[in-house]
Amino acid sequence: MESRVEKTIELHSKGYNCAQAVACAYCDLVGVDEETMFKMTEGLGLGMGGMEGTCGAVTGACILAGMMNSTGNLQSPNSKVNTYKLSRELVESFKVKNGSVVCKELKGINTGKVLRPCPGCIVDAAELVEKILFSEDI
């Protein structure tokens, strides 16, 4: 697979929110069509519903981790531990790189000091998705 980092920025430029930009760029790799992924992640923009909480680019990456790793075993959910591990690695790596995973902190809403603007967050999340989730495919 070729890197899709640039595709994430193109999607964001078209109006996709940060979660949509990341998740939709890789949705075919986890068996989800783009329209469905777009709908699934629409409420995650601006830090989950505009609440300036967890960065949408990070939540989009975690959606991909779940879609990639979950066994979908409804009778005996048995893949959560491994999915949590992947999600934790994505979140912690993003936090190390940017100093936070909280949208309002990344944007400097309270401090006036921008840690990372949205396009940078999207690029960072996409690079982590490729490294942590799809490294053997690149």
N, C-alpha and C. Protein backbone atom coordinates (compact mmCIF):
# COMPACT_ATOMS: atom_id res chain seq x y z
N MET A 1 0.83 -1.18 0.00
CA MET A 1 0.00 0.00 0.00
C MET A 1 0.88 1.25 0.00
N GLU A 2 0.52 2.19 -0.83
CA GLU A 2 1.19 3.48 -0.80
C GLU A 2 0.65 4.29 0.37
N SER A 3 1.47 5.19 0.86
CA SER A 3 1.03 6.06 1.94
C SER A 3 -0.20 6.86 1.52
N ARG A 4 -1.11 7.02 2.44
CA ARG A 4 -2.33 7.78 2.18
C ARG A 4 -2.40 9.06 3.01
N VAL A 5 -1.29 9.47 3.54
CA VAL A 5 -1.26 10.67 4.38
C VAL A 5 -1.78 11.88 3.60
N GLU A 6 -1.33 12.05 2.38
CA GLU A 6 -1.79 13.19 1.57
C GLU A 6 -3.29 13.12 1.32
N LYS A 7 -3.81 11.91 1.16
CA LYS A 7 -5.25 11.75 0.94
C LYS A 7 -6.03 12.28 2.14
N THR A 8 -5.51 12.09 3.35
CA THR A 8 -6.22 12.58 4.54
C THR A 8 -6.36 14.10 4.48
N ILE A 9 -5.32 14.78 4.05
CA ILE A 9 -5.35 16.25 3.94
C ILE A 9 -6.32 16.68 2.83
N GLU A 10 -6.33 15.95 1.72
CA GLU A 10 -7.28 16.26 0.64
C GLU A 10 -8.72 16.13 1.14
N LEU A 11 -9.00 15.08 1.90
CA LEU A 11 -10.35 14.88 2.41
C LEU A 11 -10.73 16.01 3.38
N HIS A 12 -9.80 16.39 4.24
CA HIS A 12 -10.07 17.49 5.18
C HIS A 12 -10.32 18.79 4.41
N SER A 13 -9.58 19.00 3.36
CA SER A 13 -9.76 20.20 2.53
C SER A 13 -11.12 20.23 1.85
N LYS A 14 -11.70 19.05 1.63
CA LYS A 14 -13.04 18.95 1.02
C LYS A 14 -14.15 19.18 2.04
N GLY A 15 -13.80 19.29 3.33
CA GLY A 15 -14.82 19.52 4.35
C GLY A 15 -15.03 18.37 5.31
N TYR A 16 -14.30 17.27 5.14
CA TYR A 16 -14.39 16.18 6.10
C TYR A 16 -13.84 16.67 7.42
N ASN A 17 -14.44 16.24 8.55
CA ASN A 17 -13.84 16.61 9.82
C ASN A 17 -12.58 15.77 10.04
N CYS A 18 -11.86 16.04 11.10
CA CYS A 18 -10.57 15.37 11.32
C CYS A 18 -10.71 13.85 11.44
N ALA A 19 -11.73 13.39 12.15
CA ALA A 19 -11.97 11.95 12.30
C ALA A 19 -12.33 11.33 10.95
N GLN A 20 -13.18 12.00 10.21
CA GLN A 20 -13.57 11.49 8.89
C GLN A 20 -12.38 11.43 7.94
N ALA A 21 -11.55 12.45 7.96
CA ALA A 21 -10.40 12.49 7.06
C ALA A 21 -9.48 11.30 7.29
N VAL A 22 -9.21 10.99 8.54
CA VAL A 22 -8.32 9.87 8.85
C VAL A 22 -9.02 8.54 8.57
N ALA A 23 -10.20 8.35 9.11
CA ALA A 23 -10.88 7.05 8.98
C ALA A 23 -11.27 6.73 7.54
N CYS A 24 -11.73 7.72 6.81
CA CYS A 24 -12.17 7.47 5.44
C CYS A 24 -11.01 7.18 4.49
N ALA A 25 -9.84 7.71 4.77
CA ALA A 25 -8.69 7.46 3.90
C ALA A 25 -8.26 6.00 3.91
N TYR A 26 -8.60 5.28 4.97
CA TYR A 26 -8.17 3.89 5.13
C TYR A 26 -9.34 2.92 5.23
N CYS A 27 -10.56 3.40 5.04
CA CYS A 27 -11.74 2.57 5.31
C CYS A 27 -11.79 1.30 4.48
N ASP A 28 -11.31 1.33 3.26
CA ASP A 28 -11.34 0.12 2.44
C ASP A 28 -10.46 -0.98 3.01
N LEU A 29 -9.43 -0.60 3.75
CA LEU A 29 -8.52 -1.59 4.34
C LEU A 29 -9.14 -2.32 5.53
N VAL A 30 -10.25 -1.78 6.05
CA VAL A 30 -10.93 -2.43 7.18
C VAL A 30 -12.33 -2.89 6.79
N GLY A 31 -12.61 -2.90 5.50
CA GLY A 31 -13.86 -3.45 5.01
C GLY A 31 -15.09 -2.59 5.17
N VAL A 32 -14.90 -1.27 5.19
CA VAL A 32 -16.02 -0.35 5.33
C VAL A 32 -16.02 0.60 4.13
N ASP A 33 -17.20 0.79 3.53
CA ASP A 33 -17.26 1.73 2.42
C ASP A 33 -17.17 3.16 2.96
N GLU A 34 -16.75 4.07 2.10
CA GLU A 34 -16.47 5.44 2.54
C GLU A 34 -17.70 6.16 3.09
N GLU A 35 -18.85 5.98 2.47
CA GLU A 35 -20.05 6.66 2.96
C GLU A 35 -20.41 6.21 4.38
N THR A 36 -20.31 4.91 4.63
CA THR A 36 -20.61 4.39 5.97
C THR A 36 -19.62 4.93 6.99
N MET A 37 -18.34 4.91 6.66
CA MET A 37 -17.32 5.42 7.58
C MET A 37 -17.53 6.91 7.82
N PHE A 38 -17.86 7.63 6.78
CA PHE A 38 -18.12 9.07 6.89
C PHE A 38 -19.24 9.32 7.89
N LYS A 39 -20.32 8.55 7.78
CA LYS A 39 -21.44 8.69 8.70
C LYS A 39 -21.05 8.29 10.12
N MET A 40 -20.30 7.19 10.26
CA MET A 40 -19.91 6.69 11.59
C MET A 40 -19.07 7.68 12.36
N THR A 41 -18.28 8.47 11.66
CA THR A 41 -17.33 9.36 12.33
C THR A 41 -17.74 10.82 12.34
N GLU A 42 -18.91 11.12 11.79
CA GLU A 42 -19.34 12.52 11.69
C GLU A 42 -19.46 13.20 13.05
N GLY A 43 -19.91 12.51 14.06
CA GLY A 43 -20.09 13.11 15.38
C GLY A 43 -18.82 13.27 16.18
N LEU A 44 -17.69 12.88 15.60
CA LEU A 44 -16.44 12.92 16.36
C LEU A 44 -15.62 14.18 16.09
N GLY A 45 -16.09 15.04 15.21
CA GLY A 45 -15.34 16.24 14.87
C GLY A 45 -15.29 17.26 15.99
N LEU A 46 -14.29 18.12 15.93
CA LEU A 46 -14.07 19.18 16.92
C LEU A 46 -14.04 18.62 18.34
N GLY A 47 -13.31 17.53 18.49
CA GLY A 47 -13.16 16.94 19.83
C GLY A 47 -14.44 16.31 20.33
N MET A 48 -15.06 15.50 19.53
CA MET A 48 -16.30 14.77 19.81
C MET A 48 -17.48 15.72 19.97
N GLY A 49 -18.17 15.92 18.89
CA GLY A 49 -19.38 16.73 18.91
C GLY A 49 -19.16 18.19 19.21
N GLY A 50 -17.99 18.71 18.85
CA GLY A 50 -17.71 20.12 19.10
C GLY A 50 -17.41 20.46 20.55
N MET A 51 -17.18 19.44 21.36
CA MET A 51 -16.93 19.66 22.79
C MET A 51 -15.45 19.89 23.11
N GLU A 52 -14.62 19.91 22.08
CA GLU A 52 -13.18 20.16 22.21
C GLU A 52 -12.49 19.15 23.12
N GLY A 53 -12.99 17.91 23.12
CA GLY A 53 -12.39 16.82 23.90
C GLY A 53 -11.30 16.14 23.09
N THR A 54 -11.34 14.84 23.04
CA THR A 54 -10.30 14.08 22.34
C THR A 54 -10.28 14.43 20.86
N CYS A 55 -9.10 14.71 20.36
CA CYS A 55 -8.88 15.08 18.96
C CYS A 55 -9.55 14.10 18.00
N GLY A 56 -10.27 14.62 17.04
CA GLY A 56 -10.96 13.79 16.06
C GLY A 56 -10.02 12.92 15.25
N ALA A 57 -8.85 13.42 14.91
CA ALA A 57 -7.89 12.61 14.14
C ALA A 57 -7.49 11.36 14.93
N VAL A 58 -7.35 11.52 16.24
CA VAL A 58 -7.00 10.39 17.10
C VAL A 58 -8.18 9.42 17.21
N THR A 59 -9.39 9.95 17.38
CA THR A 59 -10.54 9.05 17.49
C THR A 59 -10.78 8.31 16.18
N GLY A 60 -10.53 8.98 15.06
CA GLY A 60 -10.63 8.30 13.76
C GLY A 60 -9.65 7.15 13.66
N ALA A 61 -8.45 7.36 14.16
CA ALA A 61 -7.43 6.30 14.16
C ALA A 61 -7.88 5.13 15.04
N CYS A 62 -8.49 5.42 16.18
CA CYS A 62 -8.97 4.35 17.07
C CYS A 62 -10.14 3.58 16.46
N ILE A 63 -10.98 4.26 15.70
CA ILE A 63 -12.05 3.57 14.97
C ILE A 63 -11.43 2.55 14.02
N LEU A 64 -10.38 2.95 13.33
CA LEU A 64 -9.70 2.02 12.42
C LEU A 64 -9.11 0.84 13.18
N ALA A 65 -8.55 1.09 14.35
CA ALA A 65 -7.98 0.00 15.16
C ALA A 65 -9.05 -1.02 15.50
N GLY A 66 -10.21 -0.55 15.92
CA GLY A 66 -11.30 -1.46 16.24
C GLY A 66 -11.79 -2.23 15.03
N MET A 67 -11.95 -1.55 13.93
CA MET A 67 -12.42 -2.22 12.71
C MET A 67 -11.40 -3.23 12.20
N MET A 68 -10.14 -2.92 12.35
CA MET A 68 -9.09 -3.82 11.88
C MET A 68 -8.94 -5.04 12.78
N ASN A 69 -9.03 -4.83 14.08
CA ASN A 69 -8.67 -5.88 15.03
C ASN A 69 -9.82 -6.69 15.59
N SER A 70 -10.99 -6.10 15.72
CA SER A 70 -12.10 -6.79 16.38
C SER A 70 -12.49 -8.06 15.64
N THR A 71 -12.77 -9.10 16.41
CA THR A 71 -13.27 -10.34 15.82
C THR A 71 -14.76 -10.24 15.52
N GLY A 72 -15.42 -9.26 16.09
CA GLY A 72 -16.84 -9.11 15.88
C GLY A 72 -17.65 -10.23 16.52
N ASN A 73 -17.06 -10.90 17.48
CA ASN A 73 -17.71 -12.02 18.15
C ASN A 73 -18.70 -11.49 19.19
N LEU A 74 -19.96 -11.43 18.81
CA LEU A 74 -20.98 -10.86 19.69
C LEU A 74 -21.30 -11.76 20.88
N GLN A 75 -21.14 -13.06 20.71
CA GLN A 75 -21.45 -14.00 21.78
C GLN A 75 -20.38 -14.04 22.85
N SER A 76 -19.14 -13.84 22.44
CA SER A 76 -18.02 -13.89 23.38
C SER A 76 -16.96 -12.89 22.94
N PRO A 77 -17.19 -11.61 23.23
CA PRO A 77 -16.22 -10.59 22.81
C PRO A 77 -14.82 -10.94 23.32
N ASN A 78 -13.94 -11.21 22.38
CA ASN A 78 -12.63 -11.73 22.77
C ASN A 78 -11.45 -10.95 22.21
N SER A 79 -11.70 -9.81 21.62
CA SER A 79 -10.59 -9.09 21.00
C SER A 79 -10.34 -7.72 21.63
N LYS A 80 -11.11 -7.38 22.66
CA LYS A 80 -11.00 -6.05 23.25
C LYS A 80 -9.60 -5.74 23.76
N VAL A 81 -8.98 -6.67 24.43
CA VAL A 81 -7.66 -6.41 25.02
C VAL A 81 -6.66 -6.00 23.96
N ASN A 82 -6.65 -6.72 22.86
CA ASN A 82 -5.70 -6.38 21.78
C ASN A 82 -6.08 -5.08 21.08
N THR A 83 -7.37 -4.84 20.94
CA THR A 83 -7.80 -3.58 20.33
C THR A 83 -7.44 -2.41 21.23
N TYR A 84 -7.65 -2.56 22.53
CA TYR A 84 -7.26 -1.51 23.48
C TYR A 84 -5.76 -1.24 23.40
N LYS A 85 -4.98 -2.29 23.24
CA LYS A 85 -3.52 -2.14 23.15
C LYS A 85 -3.15 -1.30 21.92
N LEU A 86 -3.77 -1.61 20.79
CA LEU A 86 -3.50 -0.84 19.57
C LEU A 86 -3.93 0.61 19.74
N SER A 87 -5.12 0.81 20.28
CA SER A 87 -5.62 2.17 20.48
C SER A 87 -4.74 2.94 21.44
N ARG A 88 -4.32 2.29 22.51
CA ARG A 88 -3.44 2.95 23.49
C ARG A 88 -2.13 3.36 22.83
N GLU A 89 -1.58 2.49 21.98
CA GLU A 89 -0.34 2.83 21.29
C GLU A 89 -0.53 4.03 20.37
N LEU A 90 -1.64 4.07 19.66
CA LEU A 90 -1.93 5.23 18.80
C LEU A 90 -2.04 6.50 19.62
N VAL A 91 -2.83 6.46 20.70
CA VAL A 91 -3.09 7.64 21.52
C VAL A 91 -1.81 8.10 22.21
N GLU A 92 -1.08 7.18 22.82
CA GLU A 92 0.14 7.56 23.53
C GLU A 92 1.19 8.11 22.58
N SER A 93 1.33 7.50 21.40
CA SER A 93 2.31 8.00 20.43
C SER A 93 1.96 9.40 19.95
N PHE A 94 0.67 9.64 19.72
CA PHE A 94 0.22 10.97 19.33
C PHE A 94 0.50 11.98 20.43
N LYS A 95 0.23 11.60 21.67
CA LYS A 95 0.44 12.50 22.80
C LYS A 95 1.91 12.84 22.98
N VAL A 96 2.78 11.86 22.83
CA VAL A 96 4.21 12.10 22.94
C VAL A 96 4.66 13.10 21.87
N LYS A 97 4.15 12.93 20.67
CA LYS A 97 4.56 13.80 19.56
C LYS A 97 4.02 15.22 19.72
N ASN A 98 2.79 15.36 20.26
CA ASN A 98 2.13 16.67 20.25
C ASN A 98 1.88 17.29 21.61
N GLY A 99 2.13 16.56 22.67
CA GLY A 99 1.95 17.11 24.00
C GLY A 99 0.55 16.98 24.56
N SER A 100 -0.40 16.52 23.76
CA SER A 100 -1.77 16.37 24.20
C SER A 100 -2.54 15.57 23.16
N VAL A 101 -3.71 15.07 23.56
CA VAL A 101 -4.67 14.50 22.62
C VAL A 101 -6.00 15.25 22.71
N VAL A 102 -6.02 16.33 23.47
CA VAL A 102 -7.23 17.11 23.69
C VAL A 102 -7.29 18.25 22.67
N CYS A 103 -8.38 18.29 21.93
CA CYS A 103 -8.55 19.26 20.85
C CYS A 103 -8.28 20.69 21.30
N LYS A 104 -8.92 21.13 22.38
CA LYS A 104 -8.77 22.53 22.79
C LYS A 104 -7.34 22.84 23.24
N GLU A 105 -6.64 21.85 23.77
CA GLU A 105 -5.24 22.07 24.14
C GLU A 105 -4.37 22.13 22.89
N LEU A 106 -4.63 21.26 21.93
CA LEU A 106 -3.87 21.27 20.68
C LEU A 106 -4.06 22.59 19.94
N LYS A 107 -5.27 23.13 19.98
CA LYS A 107 -5.59 24.39 19.30
C LYS A 107 -5.23 25.62 20.14
N GLY A 108 -4.86 25.42 21.39
CA GLY A 108 -4.48 26.54 22.25
C GLY A 108 -5.65 27.42 22.64
N ILE A 109 -6.83 26.85 22.76
CA ILE A 109 -8.04 27.63 23.06
C ILE A 109 -7.90 28.44 24.35
N ASN A 110 -7.43 27.82 25.40
CA ASN A 110 -7.32 28.52 26.69
C ASN A 110 -5.98 29.21 26.90
N THR A 111 -4.96 28.73 26.23
CA THR A 111 -3.61 29.25 26.46
C THR A 111 -3.12 30.22 25.40
N GLY A 112 -3.73 30.17 24.22
CA GLY A 112 -3.24 30.99 23.11
C GLY A 112 -2.01 30.38 22.45
N LYS A 113 -1.54 29.26 22.98
CA LYS A 113 -0.36 28.59 22.41
C LYS A 113 -0.83 27.33 21.67
N VAL A 114 -0.81 27.40 20.35
CA VAL A 114 -1.22 26.27 19.52
C VAL A 114 -0.13 25.22 19.55
N LEU A 115 -0.49 24.02 20.01
CA LEU A 115 0.46 22.92 20.00
C LEU A 115 0.55 22.28 18.62
N ARG A 116 -0.61 22.16 17.96
CA ARG A 116 -0.66 21.54 16.62
C ARG A 116 -2.00 21.88 15.99
N PRO A 117 -1.99 22.49 14.79
CA PRO A 117 -3.26 22.76 14.10
C PRO A 117 -3.84 21.48 13.51
N CYS A 118 -5.11 21.54 13.15
CA CYS A 118 -5.81 20.35 12.65
C CYS A 118 -5.07 19.62 11.52
N PRO A 119 -4.60 20.29 10.48
CA PRO A 119 -3.92 19.53 9.42
C PRO A 119 -2.70 18.75 9.94
N GLY A 120 -1.97 19.33 10.87
CA GLY A 120 -0.84 18.62 11.47
C GLY A 120 -1.28 17.42 12.28
N CYS A 121 -2.37 17.57 13.02
CA CYS A 121 -2.92 16.45 13.79
C CYS A 121 -3.34 15.31 12.88
N ILE A 122 -3.96 15.67 11.76
CA ILE A 122 -4.41 14.67 10.79
C ILE A 122 -3.22 13.92 10.22
N VAL A 123 -2.19 14.65 9.83
CA VAL A 123 -0.98 14.02 9.29
C VAL A 123 -0.36 13.09 10.33
N ASP A 124 -0.24 13.58 11.56
CA ASP A 124 0.37 12.75 12.61
C ASP A 124 -0.43 11.49 12.86
N ALA A 125 -1.75 11.61 12.94
CA ALA A 125 -2.60 10.44 13.17
C ALA A 125 -2.49 9.46 12.00
N ALA A 126 -2.48 9.98 10.79
CA ALA A 126 -2.37 9.11 9.61
C ALA A 126 -1.03 8.38 9.59
N GLU A 127 0.03 9.08 9.91
CA GLU A 127 1.34 8.43 9.95
C GLU A 127 1.37 7.33 11.01
N LEU A 128 0.74 7.57 12.14
CA LEU A 128 0.67 6.55 13.19
C LEU A 128 -0.19 5.37 12.76
N VAL A 129 -1.29 5.63 12.08
CA VAL A 129 -2.14 4.55 11.56
C VAL A 129 -1.32 3.66 10.63
N GLU A 130 -0.56 4.28 9.76
CA GLU A 130 0.24 3.50 8.81
C GLU A 130 1.33 2.71 9.52
N LYS A 131 1.94 3.32 10.51
CA LYS A 131 3.03 2.65 11.24
C LYS A 131 2.51 1.54 12.15
N ILE A 132 1.45 1.82 12.91
CA ILE A 132 0.99 0.88 13.94
C ILE A 132 -0.01 -0.14 13.40
N LEU A 133 -0.90 0.28 12.54
CA LEU A 133 -1.95 -0.64 12.07
C LEU A 133 -1.63 -1.31 10.75
N PHE A 134 -0.99 -0.61 9.85
CA PHE A 134 -0.83 -1.13 8.50
C PHE A 134 0.63 -1.19 8.02
N SER A 135 1.58 -1.28 8.93
CA SER A 135 2.99 -1.22 8.53
C SER A 135 3.37 -2.33 7.55
N GLU A 136 2.78 -3.51 7.66
CA GLU A 136 3.15 -4.58 6.74
C GLU A 136 2.52 -4.37 5.37
N ASP A 137 1.52 -3.47 5.28
CA ASP A 137 0.86 -3.21 4.02
C ASP A 137 1.53 -2.09 3.23
N ILE A 138 2.47 -1.37 3.86
CA ILE A 138 3.09 -0.22 3.19
C ILE A 138 4.40 -0.64 2.56
